[in-house]
Amino acid sequence: MCGGITESTYRGAALIELLHTATLVHDDVVDDSTLRRGFFSINALWKNKIAVLVGDYLLSRGLLLSVENDEHTLLKIVSHAVRQMSEGELLQIEKARKPGISEQIYFDIIRQKTASLIASCCACGASSAGASAEVVEQMRICGEYIGIAFQIKDDLFDFDSSAKTGKPSGTDIRESKLTLPLITALAKASDKEKRHVINLIRNRYDDSKAVKEVIDFILLSEGINYSKQKMNEYHQKALDILNRYNESAYRDGLMKLVKYTIERTK
């Protein structure tokens, strides 16, 4: 869509995949997660020490791929994303025990932690095709919008009991993660109700009955509908950028990918 596939494009795709996989392996260690999309995580199979080393190895392979092929621009784009992802993870940990955080902080977290990666994918694709700096930045922003919509959809899975998600209902609540449905529900609750729900999240997050009570509280609020509305807004913003480009199979493919991010079942 931005100029054509080159050898640099393949290296950019490999670089993204290596560094992304490295961050996922490390994330599972940080979160003490035993599952990754329904499958056992590396740390669940071989413990944290090996998982950290595997993540480091993947990271080094990505760096070497870039340096040995003089892909300094792509490395800069992706390294910036990895830095943002790390900062987003740290910000989320810092705010995890403060359920009263603002919607703005939530968006700051997901913009860094999730959207920055997809933004770098789009920017790398455009850059590898020889696009101008203006187009690269435009595609970066498009990827950021896609990433925000993707993460909100992920948050909504926490309230879906379908086995298709590969993610047990209430996982984010048990891990004290702040998601948009919860933040919205708390913002609209009375002071008494808010204190009660915050107490459940802080002190009874490993109690199935308490988790279900929090889920029911969110389901009865406007949290789910509001989150879907925001997800659709970012989805449309991404499509608005893509609509500026000439119609082609490549543009249509990207549009289908954007649509998939909000319609996926896992």
Protein backbone atom coordinates (compact mmCIF):
# COMPACT_ATOMS: atom_id res chain seq x y z
CA MET A 1 0.00 0.00 0.00
CA CYS A 2 2.90 2.36 0.74
CA GLY A 3 5.25 1.46 -2.09
CA GLY A 4 5.88 -2.28 -2.39
CA ILE A 5 7.52 -5.21 -0.60
CA THR A 6 11.33 -5.23 -0.40
CA GLU A 7 14.00 -7.34 1.31
CA SER A 8 13.87 -4.77 4.09
CA THR A 9 10.18 -5.58 4.55
CA TYR A 10 10.92 -9.22 5.33
CA ARG A 11 13.63 -8.24 7.80
CA GLY A 12 11.30 -5.72 9.43
CA ALA A 13 8.62 -8.40 9.84
CA ALA A 14 11.15 -10.82 11.36
CA LEU A 15 12.48 -8.11 13.68
CA ILE A 16 8.98 -7.29 14.93
CA GLU A 17 8.16 -10.96 15.49
CA LEU A 18 11.40 -11.70 17.39
CA LEU A 19 11.15 -8.68 19.70
CA HIS A 20 7.42 -9.13 20.21
CA THR A 21 7.83 -12.78 21.19
CA ALA A 22 10.65 -11.81 23.56
CA THR A 23 8.39 -9.29 25.31
CA LEU A 24 5.57 -11.85 25.61
CA VAL A 25 7.92 -14.39 27.23
CA HIS A 26 9.14 -11.75 29.69
CA ASP A 27 5.57 -10.50 30.31
CA ASP A 28 4.47 -13.97 31.38
CA VAL A 29 7.32 -14.02 33.91
CA VAL A 30 6.38 -10.56 35.23
CA ASP A 31 2.68 -11.49 35.45
CA ASP A 32 3.41 -15.01 36.74
CA SER A 33 1.09 -16.27 33.98
CA THR A 34 0.90 -19.98 33.24
CA LEU A 35 -1.13 -19.59 30.05
CA ARG A 36 -0.62 -17.68 26.82
CA ARG A 37 -3.72 -17.72 24.61
CA GLY A 38 -4.85 -21.04 26.00
CA PHE A 39 -1.45 -22.76 25.85
CA PHE A 40 1.18 -23.27 28.55
CA SER A 41 3.62 -20.36 28.79
CA ILE A 42 7.40 -20.86 28.66
CA ASN A 43 7.77 -20.15 32.39
CA ALA A 44 5.04 -22.68 33.19
CA LEU A 45 6.92 -25.38 31.29
CA TRP A 46 10.54 -24.54 32.18
CA LYS A 47 10.39 -22.03 35.07
CA ASN A 48 11.34 -18.36 35.17
CA LYS A 49 15.12 -18.65 34.73
CA ILE A 50 14.85 -20.40 31.38
CA ALA A 51 11.98 -18.15 30.27
CA VAL A 52 14.06 -15.00 30.93
CA LEU A 53 17.02 -16.47 29.02
CA VAL A 54 14.80 -17.46 26.08
CA GLY A 55 13.39 -13.93 25.97
CA ASP A 56 16.91 -12.47 26.06
CA TYR A 57 18.01 -14.80 23.26
CA LEU A 58 15.10 -13.75 21.02
CA LEU A 59 15.86 -10.10 21.77
CA SER A 60 19.52 -10.53 20.80
CA ARG A 61 18.57 -12.29 17.55
CA GLY A 62 16.38 -9.36 16.60
CA LEU A 63 19.09 -6.82 17.37
CA LEU A 64 21.70 -8.78 15.37
CA LEU A 65 19.33 -9.13 12.42
CA SER A 66 19.02 -5.33 12.30
CA VAL A 67 22.66 -4.44 12.86
CA GLU A 68 24.08 -7.01 10.45
CA ASN A 69 21.80 -5.77 7.65
CA ASP A 70 22.13 -2.03 8.42
CA GLU A 71 18.42 -1.74 9.22
CA HIS A 72 19.00 1.12 11.62
CA THR A 73 15.74 2.94 10.87
CA LEU A 74 13.66 -0.17 11.51
CA LEU A 75 15.64 -0.91 14.67
CA LYS A 76 14.99 2.63 15.90
CA ILE A 77 11.23 2.28 15.30
CA VAL A 78 11.00 -1.08 17.07
CA SER A 79 13.35 -0.15 19.94
CA HIS A 80 11.19 2.89 20.64
CA ALA A 81 8.17 0.57 20.82
CA VAL A 82 9.93 -1.84 23.20
CA ARG A 83 10.80 1.08 25.48
CA GLN A 84 7.18 2.23 25.48
CA MET A 85 5.94 -1.30 26.16
CA SER A 86 8.25 -1.53 29.18
CA GLU A 87 7.13 1.86 30.46
CA GLY A 88 3.49 0.86 30.00
CA GLU A 89 4.02 -2.34 31.97
CA LEU A 90 5.70 -0.42 34.80
CA LEU A 91 2.90 2.17 34.83
CA GLN A 92 0.31 -0.60 35.01
CA ILE A 93 2.11 -2.25 37.94
CA GLU A 94 2.32 1.11 39.71
CA LYS A 95 -1.42 1.75 39.29
CA ALA A 96 -2.60 -1.84 39.83
CA ARG A 97 -3.65 -1.24 43.42
CA LYS A 98 -5.40 2.04 42.69
CA PRO A 99 -8.78 1.12 41.16
CA GLY A 100 -9.83 4.76 41.18
CA ILE A 101 -7.47 5.78 38.37
CA SER A 102 -8.74 7.96 35.55
CA GLU A 103 -9.71 6.91 32.07
CA GLN A 104 -6.79 8.98 30.78
CA ILE A 105 -4.25 6.90 32.70
CA TYR A 106 -5.86 3.74 31.35
CA PHE A 107 -5.40 4.99 27.79
CA ASP A 108 -1.82 6.02 28.57
CA ILE A 109 -1.12 2.45 29.72
CA ILE A 110 -2.63 0.67 26.73
CA ARG A 111 -1.17 3.19 24.26
CA GLN A 112 2.29 2.32 25.57
CA LYS A 113 1.88 -1.33 26.49
CA THR A 114 -0.11 -2.62 23.49
CA ALA A 115 -0.73 0.02 20.84
CA SER A 116 2.96 0.99 20.52
CA LEU A 117 3.77 -2.47 19.14
CA ILE A 118 1.10 -2.40 16.42
CA ALA A 119 2.07 1.20 15.67
CA SER A 120 5.65 0.06 15.09
CA CYS A 121 4.42 -2.75 12.79
CA CYS A 122 2.66 -0.23 10.57
CA ALA A 123 5.54 2.24 10.68
CA CYS A 124 8.09 -0.47 9.80
CA GLY A 125 5.97 -1.63 6.88
CA ALA A 126 5.74 1.87 5.45
CA SER A 127 9.42 2.65 6.10
CA SER A 128 10.62 -0.60 4.50
CA ALA A 129 8.62 0.27 1.37
CA GLY A 130 10.48 3.57 1.02
CA ALA A 131 7.59 5.80 2.12
CA SER A 132 8.14 9.41 3.19
CA ALA A 133 8.56 10.35 6.84
CA GLU A 134 5.06 11.86 6.75
CA VAL A 135 3.50 8.58 5.54
CA VAL A 136 5.50 6.53 8.06
CA GLU A 137 4.17 8.72 10.89
CA GLN A 138 0.63 8.54 9.50
CA MET A 139 0.80 4.74 9.46
CA ARG A 140 2.27 4.73 12.96
CA ILE A 141 -0.76 6.66 14.19
CA CYS A 142 -3.07 4.28 12.31
CA GLY A 143 -1.39 1.34 14.06
CA GLU A 144 -1.80 3.07 17.40
CA TYR A 145 -5.55 3.39 16.84
CA ILE A 146 -5.74 -0.29 15.83
CA GLY A 147 -3.80 -1.25 18.97
CA ILE A 148 -6.08 0.69 21.30
CA ALA A 149 -9.18 -0.92 19.75
CA PHE A 150 -7.47 -4.32 20.01
CA GLN A 151 -6.74 -3.89 23.73
CA ILE A 152 -10.25 -2.73 24.59
CA LYS A 153 -11.57 -5.83 22.81
CA ASP A 154 -9.14 -7.90 24.90
CA ASP A 155 -10.49 -6.24 28.06
CA LEU A 156 -14.04 -7.16 27.08
CA PHE A 157 -13.07 -10.84 26.87
CA ASP A 158 -12.81 -10.80 30.67
CA PHE A 159 -16.60 -10.64 30.79
CA ASP A 160 -17.17 -13.35 28.18
CA SER A 161 -17.52 -16.87 29.58
CA SER A 162 -17.06 -18.41 26.13
CA ALA A 163 -14.28 -21.00 25.98
CA LYS A 164 -13.29 -19.58 22.58
CA THR A 165 -11.42 -16.75 24.25
CA GLY A 166 -8.85 -19.05 25.85
CA LYS A 167 -8.99 -16.61 28.77
CA PRO A 168 -10.96 -17.44 31.93
CA SER A 169 -13.61 -14.92 32.96
CA GLY A 170 -12.43 -12.52 35.64
CA THR A 171 -8.70 -12.94 34.98
CA ASP A 172 -8.01 -9.19 34.85
CA ILE A 173 -9.87 -8.66 38.13
CA ARG A 174 -7.89 -11.44 39.82
CA GLU A 175 -4.68 -9.80 38.61
CA SER A 176 -5.86 -6.34 39.74
CA LYS A 177 -5.55 -5.01 36.19
CA LEU A 178 -7.39 -1.79 35.48
CA THR A 179 -9.61 -2.10 32.43
CA LEU A 180 -12.00 0.36 30.82
CA PRO A 181 -15.23 -1.48 31.81
CA LEU A 182 -14.15 -1.45 35.48
CA ILE A 183 -12.96 2.17 35.44
CA THR A 184 -16.23 3.30 33.84
CA ALA A 185 -18.37 1.31 36.27
CA LEU A 186 -16.51 2.73 39.29
CA ALA A 187 -16.80 6.29 37.95
CA LYS A 188 -20.59 5.98 37.81
CA ALA A 189 -21.06 4.16 41.15
CA SER A 190 -22.07 5.72 44.45
CA ASP A 191 -19.34 6.27 47.04
CA LYS A 192 -20.61 3.36 49.16
CA GLU A 193 -20.75 0.99 46.17
CA LYS A 194 -17.33 2.14 44.98
CA ARG A 195 -15.71 1.47 48.36
CA HIS A 196 -17.27 -1.99 48.49
CA VAL A 197 -16.09 -2.98 45.00
CA ILE A 198 -12.59 -1.59 45.58
CA ASN A 199 -12.39 -3.58 48.81
CA LEU A 200 -13.32 -6.76 46.90
CA ILE A 201 -10.64 -6.09 44.26
CA ARG A 202 -7.94 -5.27 46.80
CA ASN A 203 -8.59 -7.90 49.42
CA ARG A 204 -10.65 -10.71 47.89
CA TYR A 205 -9.29 -10.92 44.32
CA ASP A 206 -8.60 -14.66 44.76
CA ASP A 207 -12.16 -15.36 45.97
CA SER A 208 -14.34 -16.65 43.09
CA LYS A 209 -17.56 -15.32 44.67
CA ALA A 210 -16.05 -11.86 45.13
CA VAL A 211 -14.75 -11.83 41.56
CA LYS A 212 -18.20 -12.81 40.27
CA GLU A 213 -19.72 -10.00 42.32
CA VAL A 214 -17.36 -7.49 40.68
CA ILE A 215 -18.16 -8.91 37.24
CA ASP A 216 -21.90 -8.62 37.91
CA PHE A 217 -21.39 -5.04 39.13
CA ILE A 218 -19.65 -4.16 35.85
CA LEU A 219 -22.22 -5.97 33.71
CA LEU A 220 -25.04 -4.02 35.36
CA SER A 221 -23.28 -0.70 34.73
CA GLU A 222 -22.63 1.13 31.46
CA GLY A 223 -19.02 -0.11 31.52
CA ILE A 224 -19.42 -2.69 28.76
CA ASN A 225 -21.43 -0.53 26.36
CA TYR A 226 -19.16 2.48 26.90
CA SER A 227 -16.07 0.34 26.25
CA LYS A 228 -17.56 -0.98 23.03
CA GLN A 229 -18.33 2.57 21.97
CA LYS A 230 -14.72 3.69 22.55
CA MET A 231 -13.41 0.57 20.77
CA ASN A 232 -15.55 1.38 17.72
CA GLU A 233 -14.36 5.00 17.76
CA TYR A 234 -10.70 3.98 17.51
CA HIS A 235 -11.57 1.33 14.92
CA GLN A 236 -13.18 4.05 12.79
CA LYS A 237 -10.21 6.41 13.24
CA ALA A 238 -7.91 3.72 11.81
CA LEU A 239 -10.25 3.17 8.86
CA ASP A 240 -10.41 6.93 8.21
CA ILE A 241 -6.62 6.98 7.75
CA LEU A 242 -6.65 3.94 5.46
CA ASN A 243 -9.41 5.51 3.36
CA ARG A 244 -6.96 8.27 2.37
CA TYR A 245 -5.05 5.72 0.28
CA ASN A 246 -5.99 4.52 -3.19
CA GLU A 247 -8.20 1.47 -3.33
CA SER A 248 -6.19 -1.73 -3.70
CA ALA A 249 -6.04 -5.33 -2.51
CA TYR A 250 -3.41 -4.20 0.02
CA ARG A 251 -5.54 -1.44 1.50
CA ASP A 252 -8.57 -3.79 1.60
CA GLY A 253 -6.44 -6.40 3.37
CA LEU A 254 -5.47 -3.91 6.04
CA MET A 255 -9.08 -2.84 6.45
CA LYS A 256 -10.11 -6.45 6.99
CA LEU A 257 -7.36 -6.78 9.60
CA VAL A 258 -8.66 -3.68 11.40
CA LYS A 259 -12.18 -5.13 11.32
CA TYR A 260 -10.85 -8.43 12.70
CA THR A 261 -9.38 -6.72 15.77
CA ILE A 262 -12.87 -5.84 17.06
CA GLU A 263 -14.76 -8.91 15.79
CA ARG A 264 -12.35 -11.68 16.86
CA THR A 265 -13.49 -14.32 19.32
CA LYS A 266 -10.12 -14.94 20.99
